[in-house]
């Protein structure tokens, strides 16, 4: 029995399967990777998020292929604002454009809420502090542990 378990563990490690939940702080952001199972990441959630007094921001790369049209979801919440929640898909033209696309989306959302809500002047800067490092960490996590899904069964 030990031999079977050891063989299975080695096979999972060699395949790059990811079944261990991760939660750590990177430059003031929380990186969380939870719910993955070897061969089936249907319930997996990978994200970076940061909460300040004026805003909450979460970036969640979508593990499915870019052919789905949305390859990440960005969520912003402004607790002091009426209707202060935004969730949107972010599309990328390539891996090099990911951080810029997210930053552009963040800026647009913050600027929009600043027009109707009294956000402190430095809300965007304070909330996004450390984003470059956190973004690099979530991209590395995604690269080192890509989403995997079981093969779809043919419809009969």
Protein backbone atom coordinates (compact mmCIF):
# COMPACT_ATOMS: atom_id res chain seq x y z
CA UNK A 1 0.00 0.00 0.00
CA UNK A 2 2.81 2.44 0.86
CA UNK A 3 4.38 1.74 -2.50
CA UNK A 4 1.14 2.61 -4.32
CA UNK A 5 0.72 5.84 -2.36
CA UNK A 6 4.37 6.80 -2.91
CA UNK A 7 4.09 6.02 -6.64
CA UNK A 8 0.91 8.10 -6.91
CA UNK A 9 2.53 11.02 -5.06
CA UNK A 10 5.58 10.92 -7.34
CA UNK A 11 3.36 10.76 -10.43
CA UNK A 12 1.34 13.77 -9.27
CA UNK A 13 4.47 15.78 -8.54
CA UNK A 14 6.02 14.85 -11.86
CA UNK A 15 2.86 15.83 -13.73
CA UNK A 16 2.82 19.27 -12.15
CA UNK A 17 -0.56 18.55 -10.53
CA UNK A 18 -1.49 21.13 -7.93
CA UNK A 19 -3.68 20.17 -5.01
CA UNK A 20 -2.24 22.25 -2.18
CA UNK A 21 -4.00 25.43 -1.19
CA UNK A 22 -1.75 28.48 -1.02
CA UNK A 23 -2.30 31.75 0.81
CA UNK A 24 0.45 34.28 1.30
CA UNK A 25 1.06 38.01 1.36
CA UNK A 26 3.01 39.59 -1.49
CA UNK A 27 3.77 43.32 -1.24
CA UNK A 28 0.62 43.97 0.78
CA UNK A 29 -1.63 41.85 -1.45
CA UNK A 30 -3.07 38.45 -0.54
CA UNK A 31 -2.32 35.75 -3.09
CA UNK A 32 -4.76 32.83 -2.71
CA UNK A 33 -4.89 29.61 -4.70
CA UNK A 34 -7.49 27.18 -3.40
CA UNK A 35 -9.82 24.39 -4.46
CA UNK A 36 -7.61 22.71 -7.05
CA UNK A 37 -7.59 18.94 -7.37
CA UNK A 38 -5.17 16.88 -9.44
CA UNK A 39 -6.57 16.77 -12.97
CA UNK A 40 -9.66 18.87 -12.20
CA UNK A 41 -9.41 22.56 -11.36
CA UNK A 42 -13.10 23.20 -11.95
CA UNK A 43 -13.47 24.49 -8.37
CA UNK A 44 -10.07 26.20 -8.22
CA UNK A 45 -9.83 29.90 -7.47
CA UNK A 46 -6.60 31.84 -7.99
CA UNK A 47 -6.49 35.53 -7.10
CA UNK A 48 -4.66 38.48 -5.64
CA UNK A 49 -6.57 40.99 -3.56
CA UNK A 50 -5.99 44.04 -1.43
CA UNK A 51 -8.28 45.88 0.95
CA UNK A 52 -7.78 49.46 2.11
CA UNK A 53 -10.12 51.78 4.02
CA UNK A 54 -11.55 53.16 0.76
CA UNK A 55 -11.45 50.22 -1.66
CA UNK A 56 -11.21 46.50 -2.17
CA UNK A 57 -9.64 45.14 -5.35
CA UNK A 58 -9.41 41.55 -6.60
CA UNK A 59 -7.78 40.21 -9.75
CA UNK A 60 -8.60 36.63 -10.73
CA UNK A 61 -6.95 35.06 -13.77
CA UNK A 62 -9.31 32.63 -15.49
CA UNK A 63 -7.74 29.23 -15.94
CA UNK A 64 -9.63 28.46 -19.11
CA UNK A 65 -8.25 29.19 -22.54
CA UNK A 66 -8.19 32.67 -24.10
CA UNK A 67 -10.62 31.36 -26.75
CA UNK A 68 -13.35 31.84 -24.10
CA UNK A 69 -12.98 35.59 -24.58
CA UNK A 70 -12.39 36.46 -20.93
CA UNK A 71 -9.06 35.50 -19.45
CA UNK A 72 -9.34 37.39 -16.15
CA UNK A 73 -11.89 39.02 -13.91
CA UNK A 74 -11.33 42.28 -12.06
CA UNK A 75 -13.54 43.23 -9.11
CA UNK A 76 -13.49 46.56 -7.27
CA UNK A 77 -15.60 47.54 -4.31
CA UNK A 78 -15.87 50.96 -2.70
CA UNK A 79 -17.59 50.44 0.68
CA UNK A 80 -18.32 54.15 1.20
CA UNK A 81 -20.07 54.57 -2.17
CA UNK A 82 -23.66 53.80 -3.07
CA UNK A 83 -23.64 51.05 -5.69
CA UNK A 84 -19.87 50.95 -5.33
CA UNK A 85 -19.17 47.54 -6.85
CA UNK A 86 -17.73 46.72 -10.26
CA UNK A 87 -16.93 43.35 -11.80
CA UNK A 88 -15.71 42.98 -15.35
CA UNK A 89 -13.84 40.66 -17.62
CA UNK A 90 -10.47 41.80 -18.89
CA UNK A 91 -9.26 40.65 -22.30
CA UNK A 92 -5.61 40.58 -23.24
CA UNK A 93 -3.82 40.81 -26.57
CA UNK A 94 -0.94 38.75 -25.20
CA UNK A 95 0.93 37.90 -22.04
CA UNK A 96 3.05 41.07 -22.15
CA UNK A 97 -0.10 43.22 -22.08
CA UNK A 98 -1.67 41.62 -18.98
CA UNK A 99 -0.46 43.99 -16.27
CA UNK A 100 -1.06 47.10 -18.41
CA UNK A 101 -4.59 45.94 -19.27
CA UNK A 102 -5.43 45.39 -15.60
CA UNK A 103 -3.90 48.72 -14.56
CA UNK A 104 -5.84 50.52 -17.33
CA UNK A 105 -9.05 48.84 -16.14
CA UNK A 106 -8.32 49.77 -12.52
CA UNK A 107 -7.67 53.38 -13.48
CA UNK A 108 -10.91 53.60 -15.48
CA UNK A 109 -12.95 52.15 -12.60
CA UNK A 110 -11.36 54.39 -9.96
CA UNK A 111 -11.79 57.50 -12.15
CA UNK A 112 -15.46 56.62 -12.73
CA UNK A 113 -16.21 56.23 -9.03
CA UNK A 114 -14.27 59.39 -8.15
CA UNK A 115 -16.80 61.37 -10.25
CA UNK A 116 -19.79 60.25 -8.16
CA UNK A 117 -18.24 59.33 -4.83
CA UNK A 118 -15.91 61.18 -2.48
CA UNK A 119 -12.84 58.97 -2.70
CA UNK A 120 -9.68 60.28 -1.07
CA UNK A 121 -7.34 61.66 -3.75
CA UNK A 122 -4.76 58.91 -3.26
CA UNK A 123 -7.19 55.96 -3.16
CA UNK A 124 -6.01 54.42 -6.43
CA UNK A 125 -2.31 54.92 -5.64
CA UNK A 126 -2.66 53.52 -2.11
CA UNK A 127 -4.77 50.57 -3.17
CA UNK A 128 -2.50 49.63 -6.08
CA UNK A 129 0.73 49.90 -4.08
CA UNK A 130 2.71 46.67 -4.53
CA UNK A 131 0.57 45.54 -7.47
CA UNK A 132 3.52 44.92 -9.79
CA UNK A 133 5.07 42.43 -7.34
CA UNK A 134 1.74 40.77 -6.53
CA UNK A 135 0.85 40.53 -10.22
CA UNK A 136 4.21 38.89 -10.96
CA UNK A 137 3.58 36.41 -8.12
CA UNK A 138 0.10 35.41 -9.37
CA UNK A 139 1.44 35.06 -12.93
CA UNK A 140 4.25 32.83 -11.62
CA UNK A 141 1.74 30.75 -9.65
CA UNK A 142 -0.35 30.35 -12.80
CA UNK A 143 2.74 29.46 -14.85
CA UNK A 144 4.07 26.98 -12.27
CA UNK A 145 0.63 25.44 -11.65
CA UNK A 146 -1.54 25.90 -14.76
CA UNK A 147 -5.22 25.05 -14.53
CA UNK A 148 -6.03 21.52 -15.63
CA UNK A 149 -9.40 20.03 -16.43
CA UNK A 150 -10.54 16.47 -17.12
CA UNK A 151 -11.21 15.69 -20.76
CA UNK A 152 -14.78 16.47 -21.78
CA UNK A 153 -16.85 13.42 -22.56
CA UNK A 154 -18.23 13.30 -26.07
CA UNK A 155 -21.94 14.00 -26.19
CA UNK A 156 -23.83 11.07 -27.58
